[in-house]
Protein backbone atom coordinates (compact mmCIF):
# COMPACT_ATOMS: atom_id res chain seq x y z
CA MET A 1 48.83 -12.47 -21.17
CA GLN A 2 46.33 -12.58 -23.98
CA ASP A 3 42.64 -12.79 -23.70
CA ILE A 4 41.58 -16.50 -24.10
CA THR A 5 38.05 -15.32 -24.80
CA ASP A 6 39.29 -13.15 -27.61
CA VAL A 7 38.02 -14.90 -30.83
CA SER A 8 37.30 -11.54 -32.84
CA ASN A 9 39.89 -12.42 -35.66
CA TYR A 10 39.60 -16.62 -35.78
CA SER A 11 37.22 -16.29 -38.96
CA GLU A 12 39.82 -13.97 -40.65
CA ILE A 13 42.86 -16.06 -40.02
CA LEU A 14 40.76 -19.08 -40.87
CA SER A 15 39.85 -17.38 -44.00
CA GLY A 16 43.08 -16.91 -45.48
CA GLY A 17 43.62 -20.64 -45.63
CA ASP A 18 47.29 -20.73 -44.78
CA TYR A 19 47.46 -20.64 -40.84
CA SER A 20 48.98 -22.74 -38.10
CA VAL A 21 48.16 -24.50 -34.70
CA GLU A 22 50.31 -23.55 -31.44
CA TRP A 23 49.58 -25.46 -28.26
CA ALA A 24 50.27 -24.70 -24.79
CA ILE A 25 49.51 -26.82 -21.52
CA ASP A 26 49.20 -25.80 -17.71
CA ILE A 27 50.16 -28.57 -15.36
CA GLY A 28 48.76 -28.12 -11.76
CA GLU A 29 45.82 -26.34 -10.11
CA ALA A 30 45.36 -23.20 -11.61
CA GLY A 31 46.28 -20.18 -9.57
CA ARG A 32 48.52 -22.46 -7.04
CA LEU A 33 52.32 -22.43 -6.58
CA ILE A 34 53.91 -25.73 -6.33
CA THR A 35 57.56 -26.96 -5.98
CA HIS A 36 59.70 -28.78 -8.42
CA GLN A 37 58.44 -32.14 -6.56
CA GLY A 38 54.87 -31.24 -6.91
CA ASP A 39 53.83 -30.50 -3.83
CA TYR A 40 51.64 -27.20 -2.88
CA LEU A 41 53.62 -24.51 -0.82
CA THR A 42 51.42 -23.53 1.99
CA PHE A 43 51.61 -20.70 4.44
CA GLY A 44 49.77 -21.12 7.52
CA GLY A 45 48.19 -24.20 6.30
CA ASP A 46 46.91 -22.27 3.32
CA ARG A 47 47.99 -22.97 -0.22
CA ILE A 48 49.80 -19.89 -1.54
CA LEU A 49 48.10 -18.42 -4.67
CA ILE A 50 50.08 -16.89 -7.75
CA ALA A 51 48.59 -13.70 -9.65
CA THR A 52 48.64 -15.64 -13.07
CA ALA A 53 48.30 -18.92 -14.63
CA GLY A 54 47.00 -19.98 -17.93
CA ALA A 55 48.54 -20.78 -21.56
CA ASP A 56 51.02 -18.10 -21.18
CA ASN A 57 52.63 -19.27 -18.13
CA GLY A 58 52.54 -23.06 -19.07
CA PHE A 59 54.73 -25.36 -21.45
CA LYS A 60 54.50 -24.42 -25.16
CA GLU A 61 55.88 -25.58 -28.38
CA ASP A 62 59.67 -25.30 -27.34
CA VAL A 63 58.96 -28.22 -24.73
CA LEU A 64 55.80 -30.11 -26.45
CA ARG A 65 56.11 -32.55 -29.11
CA SER A 66 52.65 -33.59 -29.74
CA VAL A 67 49.13 -32.84 -28.18
CA SER A 68 45.94 -34.52 -29.07
CA ILE A 69 42.28 -34.79 -27.86
CA THR A 70 39.67 -37.58 -28.86
CA ASN A 71 36.10 -37.73 -27.72
CA ALA A 72 34.13 -40.83 -28.55
CA MET A 73 30.86 -39.15 -28.64
CA PHE A 74 31.83 -37.43 -32.24
CA GLY A 75 33.45 -40.67 -33.87
CA GLY A 76 32.25 -44.16 -34.16
CA SER A 77 28.94 -45.93 -33.34
CA PRO A 78 26.05 -43.10 -31.54
CA VAL A 79 26.40 -42.96 -27.78
CA LEU A 80 23.22 -42.35 -25.94
CA GLY A 81 22.59 -42.48 -22.32
CA GLN A 82 25.97 -42.31 -21.30
CA CYS A 83 28.68 -39.70 -19.96
CA VAL A 84 31.33 -39.58 -22.36
CA SER A 85 34.96 -38.48 -21.31
CA ALA A 86 37.34 -36.98 -23.63
CA GLU A 87 41.00 -37.92 -23.41
CA CYS A 88 44.29 -36.32 -24.27
CA ASP A 89 47.75 -37.71 -25.26
CA ILE A 90 50.58 -35.11 -24.65
CA GLU A 91 54.41 -36.11 -25.42
CA MET A 92 56.77 -33.51 -24.24
CA LEU A 93 60.38 -32.80 -23.14
CA ILE A 94 60.84 -34.00 -19.51
CA PRO A 95 60.32 -30.99 -16.87
CA GLU A 96 61.89 -30.40 -13.78
CA MET A 97 58.75 -30.49 -11.85
CA GLN A 98 57.65 -34.00 -10.73
CA ILE A 99 54.14 -34.44 -12.11
CA PRO A 100 51.84 -37.00 -9.84
CA ARG A 101 49.31 -39.03 -10.91
CA MET A 102 45.89 -37.19 -11.26
CA ALA A 103 47.61 -33.92 -11.77
CA GLN A 104 45.33 -31.34 -13.51
CA ILE A 105 46.13 -30.41 -17.03
CA ARG A 106 44.69 -27.72 -18.77
CA ILE A 107 44.96 -27.25 -22.65
CA TYR A 108 45.11 -24.42 -24.77
CA ASN A 109 45.13 -23.67 -28.57
CA ARG A 110 45.47 -20.64 -30.62
CA ILE A 111 45.94 -19.98 -34.14
CA PHE A 112 48.47 -17.83 -36.50
CA ASN A 113 49.37 -16.78 -39.84
CA SER A 114 52.00 -14.38 -41.07
CA GLU A 115 50.01 -11.25 -39.88
CA LEU A 116 47.68 -12.43 -37.21
CA THR A 117 47.35 -14.40 -34.09
CA SER A 118 44.76 -15.36 -32.34
CA GLY A 119 43.83 -15.43 -28.54
CA TRP A 120 44.52 -18.67 -26.74
CA LEU A 121 41.11 -20.75 -26.57
CA ASN A 122 40.34 -23.46 -23.99
CA GLN A 123 40.50 -26.92 -25.14
CA GLY A 124 39.55 -28.55 -21.92
CA VAL A 125 40.46 -29.90 -18.14
CA PHE A 126 42.18 -33.28 -17.90
CA TYR A 127 43.56 -35.40 -15.38
CA ILE A 128 46.40 -37.52 -15.90
CA ASP A 129 45.97 -41.27 -15.84
CA THR A 130 49.43 -42.66 -16.91
CA ARG A 131 52.57 -41.42 -17.54
CA SER A 132 55.67 -43.07 -19.32
CA TYR A 133 58.98 -42.29 -20.66
CA ASP A 134 60.22 -42.85 -24.29
CA ASN A 135 63.53 -42.22 -26.19
CA THR A 136 63.11 -40.66 -29.07
CA ILE A 137 64.57 -40.97 -32.71
CA ASP A 138 66.85 -37.91 -31.81
CA GLY A 139 67.83 -39.56 -28.85
CA ILE A 140 66.20 -37.13 -26.76
CA ARG A 141 64.30 -38.53 -23.62
CA THR A 142 60.41 -37.46 -23.37
CA LEU A 143 57.28 -37.54 -21.32
CA LYS A 144 54.09 -38.98 -22.24
CA LEU A 145 50.61 -38.52 -20.69
CA HIS A 146 47.39 -39.82 -21.15
CA GLY A 147 44.51 -38.57 -19.15
CA PHE A 148 40.86 -38.28 -19.02
CA ASP A 149 38.67 -34.71 -18.87
CA SER A 150 36.71 -33.98 -15.71
CA MET A 151 34.01 -36.27 -16.20
CA LEU A 152 35.91 -38.67 -14.10
CA MET A 153 34.73 -36.55 -11.30
CA THR A 154 31.36 -37.90 -11.56
CA GLU A 155 32.51 -41.66 -10.74
CA GLN A 156 31.35 -41.09 -7.30
CA ALA A 157 28.08 -41.79 -5.33
CA TYR A 158 25.62 -38.96 -5.81
CA VAL A 159 24.47 -37.87 -2.46
CA TRP A 160 20.85 -36.24 -3.08
CA ASN A 161 20.57 -32.77 -1.92
CA LEU A 162 17.02 -32.53 -3.62
CA GLU A 163 13.59 -33.75 -2.47
CA ALA A 164 12.14 -36.55 -3.96
CA GLY A 165 10.25 -35.23 -7.40
CA ALA A 166 12.82 -33.08 -8.20
CA SER A 167 13.10 -32.48 -11.93
CA ASP A 168 15.39 -33.54 -14.59
CA ILE A 169 17.39 -29.79 -14.68
CA ASP A 170 17.25 -29.55 -10.80
CA VAL A 171 19.28 -33.07 -10.83
CA VAL A 172 21.93 -31.81 -13.08
CA ASN A 173 22.47 -28.56 -11.44
CA ASP A 174 22.98 -29.84 -8.25
CA ILE A 175 25.36 -32.57 -9.45
CA ALA A 176 27.31 -29.78 -11.17
CA GLU A 177 27.07 -27.81 -7.80
CA GLN A 178 28.51 -30.56 -5.74
CA LEU A 179 31.61 -30.91 -8.59
CA GLN A 180 31.83 -27.15 -8.92
CA PHE A 181 31.02 -27.39 -12.72
CA SER A 182 29.15 -24.81 -14.51
CA VAL A 183 26.38 -26.11 -16.69
CA ASP A 184 26.52 -25.13 -20.37
CA PRO A 185 23.16 -23.13 -21.18
CA ARG A 186 22.21 -25.03 -23.66
CA THR A 187 21.43 -28.01 -21.67
CA ALA A 188 18.83 -26.08 -19.87
CA ALA A 189 17.47 -25.30 -23.26
CA ILE A 190 16.97 -28.69 -23.98
CA MET A 191 16.11 -30.26 -20.93
CA THR A 192 12.41 -28.90 -20.56
CA LYS A 193 10.43 -31.90 -19.91
CA GLY A 194 10.54 -31.94 -16.80
CA TYR A 195 10.84 -35.62 -15.86
CA THR A 196 11.10 -36.01 -11.99
CA ILE A 197 13.06 -38.57 -10.03
CA GLU A 198 11.05 -41.09 -7.71
CA SER A 199 11.94 -41.22 -4.30
CA GLU A 200 12.90 -45.11 -4.71
CA GLN A 201 15.62 -43.77 -7.02
CA VAL A 202 17.11 -41.75 -4.52
CA GLY A 203 20.72 -42.58 -3.47
CA GLN A 204 20.77 -45.73 -5.60
CA TYR A 205 23.25 -44.35 -8.45
CA SER A 206 26.53 -42.49 -8.75
CA MET A 207 26.55 -39.17 -10.41
CA ARG A 208 27.50 -40.71 -13.91
CA GLU A 209 24.85 -43.48 -13.78
CA MET A 210 22.26 -40.39 -12.92
CA LEU A 211 23.34 -38.31 -15.52
CA GLY A 212 23.34 -41.18 -18.46
CA TYR A 213 19.77 -42.03 -17.27
CA LEU A 214 18.66 -38.26 -17.43
CA ALA A 215 20.53 -38.15 -20.72
CA GLY A 216 18.98 -41.19 -22.11
CA ALA A 217 15.59 -40.13 -21.72
CA TYR A 218 16.60 -36.97 -24.27
CA SER A 219 18.19 -39.06 -26.68
CA GLY A 220 21.61 -37.90 -25.84
CA SER A 221 24.83 -38.14 -23.68
CA PHE A 222 26.61 -35.57 -21.40
CA ILE A 223 30.03 -34.46 -22.39
CA MET A 224 32.47 -31.88 -21.09
CA THR A 225 32.97 -28.74 -23.10
CA PRO A 226 35.89 -27.04 -23.60
CA ASN A 227 35.37 -24.35 -20.64
CA ASN A 228 34.98 -27.55 -18.49
CA GLU A 229 30.72 -27.32 -18.40
CA LEU A 230 28.52 -29.86 -18.07
CA ARG A 231 26.64 -30.10 -21.73
CA LEU A 232 23.85 -32.58 -23.22
CA VAL A 233 24.25 -33.57 -26.55
CA GLN A 234 21.26 -34.83 -28.26
CA LEU A 235 21.91 -37.40 -31.40
CA THR A 236 18.96 -35.29 -33.15
CA SER A 237 20.66 -32.40 -32.79
CA VAL A 238 23.51 -32.88 -35.56
CA PRO A 239 23.19 -30.48 -37.74
CA PRO A 240 21.38 -31.87 -41.12
CA GLU A 241 24.46 -30.32 -43.58
CA THR A 242 26.56 -33.17 -42.14
CA ASN A 243 24.53 -35.79 -43.73
CA TYR A 244 25.65 -34.52 -46.93
CA LEU A 245 28.43 -36.12 -49.23
CA ALA A 246 30.73 -33.37 -50.21
CA VAL A 247 33.94 -32.81 -52.30
CA PHE A 248 36.60 -30.76 -51.52
CA GLU A 249 37.87 -28.04 -54.26
CA GLY A 250 41.04 -26.40 -52.85
CA PRO A 251 40.12 -25.17 -49.16
CA VAL A 252 36.22 -25.06 -50.25
CA ALA A 253 33.83 -28.07 -49.70
CA TYR A 254 30.58 -28.74 -52.06
CA ALA A 255 27.98 -30.98 -51.41
CA LEU A 256 27.63 -33.23 -54.46
CA THR A 257 24.24 -33.18 -56.05
CA PHE A 258 22.13 -35.85 -58.28
CA GLY A 259 19.50 -34.18 -60.42
CA GLY A 260 19.67 -31.09 -58.46
CA ASP A 261 18.94 -33.05 -55.35
CA ARG A 262 22.37 -33.20 -52.52
CA ILE A 263 23.00 -36.69 -51.74
CA LEU A 264 22.48 -38.06 -48.44
CA VAL A 265 25.08 -40.44 -46.52
């Protein structure tokens, strides 16, 4: 199985200008053995573990018709003080296994050209919301899946494990620990103001509401990273070079200038 952390040749492949993208999905809780009906196999009450899971053991291009991921945080109007879920849409040939609602899907992709192939990259953990069947133009029946990322798990009451007066980053770490998430290191680097939660606020909010409240204090919103980590993204953290009007000449983008100054958008 390829190392999904190996991105050493990504830049080399991208710089070549002519490359393709391959997708893979892994359905079901990683590392658990399930039946064709989608039920976990158990032994003595414990779910049976399998040795490997991931992109190389999942469904690939021979089964997948299309895979797409969207995130409202990076499109449309600015989003502040919220927990923003990414969504996925998948169309695939109908597998033998029965896929239940809320089944976990891990999405991966890698890039390749005629000479090199990168390692698999995590593109997020999602949970199926809707399933539908469709007859394509060539008469083959396919399964369409729509899902939301792990931010969905914050839609539950926040059971307070801290004392009143806990700092903002303590609250974020507490929520992440309860949900068995990791926190992206960039979050702690941003949350340095030491805002505190007062005693009258304890127990009144869901996890999502609490995270949104703290995100708003830092002019940002929370997202889940492709590695399934909780990350605070500030509106002010958008790189300034993204505010320039650019023109493409072949694969290279150039900032447009007027009298030597770059044109802002």
